[in-house]
């Protein structure tokens, strides 16, 4: 059964009003930028500084994903989670996973998009000025 552990992203906002506005692969990690509802001048950047497996999908597709039982720990309008026991994590390459220590699954949920990340790194969060994204 998937269980969700809420993560403090350092900024409270209504997640259903946010959206993924930019995604960038780095040389050794990723950066995803999310809209801050009610503030067109700022973005919430989520960064991972190690190798990652990433899935970006529409929120509707996520709601149709079949897990064995209902999810536990979801909080209405919460944005960031560490996820335990989800199908997405269990379906990853055994070879890749065996070469990585301390892998974790993170999920970032908005009203329009969901970003899943499997990585040995923890996410870092930064509120920054929008550059016309």
C-alpha atoms as a PDB file:
ATOM      1  CA  UNK A   1       0.000   0.000   0.000  1.00  0.00           C
ATOM      2  CA  UNK A   2       1.458   3.397  -0.869  1.00  0.00           C
ATOM      3  CA  UNK A   3       1.910   5.739   2.053  1.00  0.00           C
ATOM      4  CA  UNK A   4       2.627   9.433   1.750  1.00  0.00           C
ATOM      5  CA  UNK A   5       4.875  11.387   4.094  1.00  0.00           C
ATOM      6  CA  UNK A   6       4.343  15.144   3.657  1.00  0.00           C
ATOM      7  CA  UNK A   7       7.471  17.242   3.055  1.00  0.00           C
ATOM      8  CA  UNK A   8       7.770  20.918   3.970  1.00  0.00           C
ATOM      9  CA  UNK A   9       8.639  22.780   0.762  1.00  0.00           C
ATOM     10  CA  UNK A  10       9.186  26.020   2.689  1.00  0.00           C
ATOM     11  CA  UNK A  11       6.133  27.708   1.161  1.00  0.00           C
ATOM     12  CA  UNK A  12       2.447  27.077   1.795  1.00  0.00           C
ATOM     13  CA  UNK A  13       0.062  27.359  -1.157  1.00  0.00           C
ATOM     14  CA  UNK A  14      -3.014  25.671  -2.562  1.00  0.00           C
ATOM     15  CA  UNK A  15      -1.432  22.883  -4.639  1.00  0.00           C
ATOM     16  CA  UNK A  16      -4.428  22.498  -6.951  1.00  0.00           C
ATOM     17  CA  UNK A  17      -3.833  26.057  -8.212  1.00  0.00           C
ATOM     18  CA  UNK A  18      -0.167  25.436  -9.057  1.00  0.00           C
ATOM     19  CA  UNK A  19       1.353  23.834 -12.144  1.00  0.00           C
ATOM     20  CA  UNK A  20       4.709  22.592 -13.411  1.00  0.00           C
ATOM     21  CA  UNK A  21       5.970  25.419 -15.644  1.00  0.00           C
ATOM     22  CA  UNK A  22       9.530  24.313 -16.479  1.00  0.00           C
ATOM     23  CA  UNK A  23      11.707  21.219 -16.242  1.00  0.00           C
ATOM     24  CA  UNK A  24      15.433  20.970 -16.891  1.00  0.00           C
ATOM     25  CA  UNK A  25      17.895  18.096 -16.869  1.00  0.00           C
ATOM     26  CA  UNK A  26      21.271  19.064 -15.440  1.00  0.00           C
ATOM     27  CA  UNK A  27      24.607  17.314 -15.772  1.00  0.00           C
ATOM     28  CA  UNK A  28      23.888  15.418 -12.561  1.00  0.00           C
ATOM     29  CA  UNK A  29      20.298  16.065 -11.508  1.00  0.00           C
ATOM     30  CA  UNK A  30      17.148  17.990 -12.323  1.00  0.00           C
ATOM     31  CA  UNK A  31      15.332  21.234 -11.631  1.00  0.00           C
ATOM     32  CA  UNK A  32      11.559  21.600 -11.810  1.00  0.00           C
ATOM     33  CA  UNK A  33       9.841  24.969 -11.468  1.00  0.00           C
ATOM     34  CA  UNK A  34       6.297  25.277 -10.175  1.00  0.00           C
ATOM     35  CA  UNK A  35       3.949  28.269 -10.294  1.00  0.00           C
ATOM     36  CA  UNK A  36       3.250  29.969  -6.974  1.00  0.00           C
ATOM     37  CA  UNK A  37      -0.518  30.579  -6.982  1.00  0.00           C
ATOM     38  CA  UNK A  38      -1.410  34.257  -6.735  1.00  0.00           C
ATOM     39  CA  UNK A  39       2.155  35.443  -7.413  1.00  0.00           C
ATOM     40  CA  UNK A  40       3.225  35.590 -11.071  1.00  0.00           C
ATOM     41  CA  UNK A  41       6.625  36.987 -10.068  1.00  0.00           C
ATOM     42  CA  UNK A  42       7.834  33.937  -8.128  1.00  0.00           C
ATOM     43  CA  UNK A  43       8.442  30.243  -8.771  1.00  0.00           C
ATOM     44  CA  UNK A  44       9.102  27.366  -6.416  1.00  0.00           C
ATOM     45  CA  UNK A  45      12.126  25.444  -7.714  1.00  0.00           C
ATOM     46  CA  UNK A  46      12.627  21.824  -6.703  1.00  0.00           C
ATOM     47  CA  UNK A  47      16.136  20.494  -7.294  1.00  0.00           C
ATOM     48  CA  UNK A  48      17.797  17.096  -7.040  1.00  0.00           C
ATOM     49  CA  UNK A  49      21.606  17.095  -7.328  1.00  0.00           C
ATOM     50  CA  UNK A  50      22.082  13.405  -8.112  1.00  0.00           C
ATOM     51  CA  UNK A  51      20.925  10.974 -10.770  1.00  0.00           C
ATOM     52  CA  UNK A  52      17.154  10.616 -11.026  1.00  0.00           C
ATOM     53  CA  UNK A  53      14.414   8.632 -12.651  1.00  0.00           C
ATOM     54  CA  UNK A  54      11.584  11.029 -13.460  1.00  0.00           C
ATOM     55  CA  UNK A  55       7.967  10.704 -14.499  1.00  0.00           C
ATOM     56  CA  UNK A  56       5.812  13.698 -15.402  1.00  0.00           C
ATOM     57  CA  UNK A  57       2.151  13.085 -15.996  1.00  0.00           C
ATOM     58  CA  UNK A  58      -1.192  14.746 -16.032  1.00  0.00           C
ATOM     59  CA  UNK A  59      -3.015  14.686 -12.702  1.00  0.00           C
ATOM     60  CA  UNK A  60      -5.912  12.826 -14.356  1.00  0.00           C
ATOM     61  CA  UNK A  61      -3.626   9.962 -15.403  1.00  0.00           C
ATOM     62  CA  UNK A  62      -2.341   9.694 -11.839  1.00  0.00           C
ATOM     63  CA  UNK A  63      -5.872   9.280 -10.512  1.00  0.00           C
ATOM     64  CA  UNK A  64      -6.362   6.218 -12.736  1.00  0.00           C
ATOM     65  CA  UNK A  65      -3.142   4.476 -11.636  1.00  0.00           C
ATOM     66  CA  UNK A  66      -3.861   1.118 -10.048  1.00  0.00           C
ATOM     67  CA  UNK A  67      -2.244   0.482  -6.677  1.00  0.00           C
ATOM     68  CA  UNK A  68      -3.299  -2.413  -4.486  1.00  0.00           C
ATOM     69  CA  UNK A  69      -5.102  -0.308  -1.884  1.00  0.00           C
ATOM     70  CA  UNK A  70      -5.979   3.316  -1.252  1.00  0.00           C
ATOM     71  CA  UNK A  71      -3.136   5.693  -0.447  1.00  0.00           C
ATOM     72  CA  UNK A  72      -2.554   6.781   3.123  1.00  0.00           C
ATOM     73  CA  UNK A  73      -1.170  10.084   4.330  1.00  0.00           C
ATOM     74  CA  UNK A  74      -2.412  12.333   1.521  1.00  0.00           C
ATOM     75  CA  UNK A  75      -3.338  15.806   2.738  1.00  0.00           C
ATOM     76  CA  UNK A  76      -5.736  17.960   0.699  1.00  0.00           C
ATOM     77  CA  UNK A  77      -3.893  20.747  -1.165  1.00  0.00           C
ATOM     78  CA  UNK A  78      -0.427  19.571  -0.040  1.00  0.00           C
ATOM     79  CA  UNK A  79       2.314  19.780  -2.679  1.00  0.00           C
ATOM     80  CA  UNK A  80       5.340  17.631  -1.723  1.00  0.00           C
ATOM     81  CA  UNK A  81       5.610  14.064  -0.439  1.00  0.00           C
ATOM     82  CA  UNK A  82       8.016  11.235   0.117  1.00  0.00           C
ATOM     83  CA  UNK A  83       6.190   8.108  -1.026  1.00  0.00           C
ATOM     84  CA  UNK A  84       6.676   4.580   0.294  1.00  0.00           C
ATOM     85  CA  UNK A  85       5.429   1.427  -1.444  1.00  0.00           C
ATOM     86  CA  UNK A  86       4.047   2.878  -4.685  1.00  0.00           C
ATOM     87  CA  UNK A  87       3.950   0.887  -7.920  1.00  0.00           C
ATOM     88  CA  UNK A  88       6.072   3.502  -9.727  1.00  0.00           C
ATOM     89  CA  UNK A  89       9.005   2.903  -7.384  1.00  0.00           C
ATOM     90  CA  UNK A  90       8.701  -0.882  -7.484  1.00  0.00           C
ATOM     91  CA  UNK A  91       8.639  -0.938 -11.307  1.00  0.00           C
ATOM     92  CA  UNK A  92      12.068   0.683 -11.752  1.00  0.00           C
ATOM     93  CA  UNK A  93      15.114  -1.085 -13.146  1.00  0.00           C
ATOM     94  CA  UNK A  94      16.580  -3.493 -10.629  1.00  0.00           C
ATOM     95  CA  UNK A  95      20.040  -2.969 -12.099  1.00  0.00           C
ATOM     96  CA  UNK A  96      19.852   0.809 -11.658  1.00  0.00           C
ATOM     97  CA  UNK A  97      18.377   0.514  -8.188  1.00  0.00           C
ATOM     98  CA  UNK A  98      20.980  -1.991  -6.999  1.00  0.00           C
ATOM     99  CA  UNK A  99      23.770   0.444  -7.896  1.00  0.00           C
ATOM    100  CA  UNK A 100      22.256   3.273  -5.856  1.00  0.00           C
ATOM    101  CA  UNK A 101      22.247   3.591  -2.087  1.00  0.00           C
ATOM    102  CA  UNK A 102      19.376   5.095  -0.107  1.00  0.00           C
ATOM    103  CA  UNK A 103      16.924   5.542  -2.973  1.00  0.00           C
ATOM    104  CA  UNK A 104      13.676   7.323  -2.229  1.00  0.00           C
ATOM    105  CA  UNK A 105      10.535   8.182  -4.177  1.00  0.00           C
ATOM    106  CA  UNK A 106       9.233  11.761  -4.095  1.00  0.00           C
ATOM    107  CA  UNK A 107       5.995  13.099  -5.566  1.00  0.00           C
ATOM    108  CA  UNK A 108       5.033  16.709  -6.274  1.00  0.00           C
ATOM    109  CA  UNK A 109       1.346  17.202  -7.025  1.00  0.00           C
ATOM    110  CA  UNK A 110      -0.416  20.199  -8.578  1.00  0.00           C
ATOM    111  CA  UNK A 111      -3.853  20.656 -10.107  1.00  0.00           C
ATOM    112  CA  UNK A 112      -2.513  19.889 -13.583  1.00  0.00           C
ATOM    113  CA  UNK A 113       0.661  17.858 -13.270  1.00  0.00           C
ATOM    114  CA  UNK A 114       2.428  15.335 -11.106  1.00  0.00           C
ATOM    115  CA  UNK A 115       6.202  14.936 -10.919  1.00  0.00           C
ATOM    116  CA  UNK A 116       7.560  11.652  -9.552  1.00  0.00           C
ATOM    117  CA  UNK A 117      11.283  11.433  -8.803  1.00  0.00           C
ATOM    118  CA  UNK A 118      13.309   8.416  -7.679  1.00  0.00           C
ATOM    119  CA  UNK A 119      16.746   9.485  -6.478  1.00  0.00           C
ATOM    120  CA  UNK A 120      19.368   8.900  -3.793  1.00  0.00           C
ATOM    121  CA  UNK A 121      19.284  12.694  -3.220  1.00  0.00           C
ATOM    122  CA  UNK A 122      16.746  14.599  -1.165  1.00  0.00           C
ATOM    123  CA  UNK A 123      15.003  17.536  -2.816  1.00  0.00           C
ATOM    124  CA  UNK A 124      16.011  21.113  -2.127  1.00  0.00           C
ATOM    125  CA  UNK A 125      13.499  23.922  -2.454  1.00  0.00           C
ATOM    126  CA  UNK A 126      14.044  27.547  -3.448  1.00  0.00           C
ATOM    127  CA  UNK A 127      11.569  30.362  -4.007  1.00  0.00           C
ATOM    128  CA  UNK A 128      12.958  32.517  -6.780  1.00  0.00           C
ATOM    129  CA  UNK A 129      11.958  35.294  -9.120  1.00  0.00           C
ATOM    130  CA  UNK A 130      10.268  34.243 -12.348  1.00  0.00           C
ATOM    131  CA  UNK A 131      12.259  34.946 -15.493  1.00  0.00           C
ATOM    132  CA  UNK A 132       9.246  35.193 -17.746  1.00  0.00           C
ATOM    133  CA  UNK A 133       8.606  31.434 -17.693  1.00  0.00           C
END
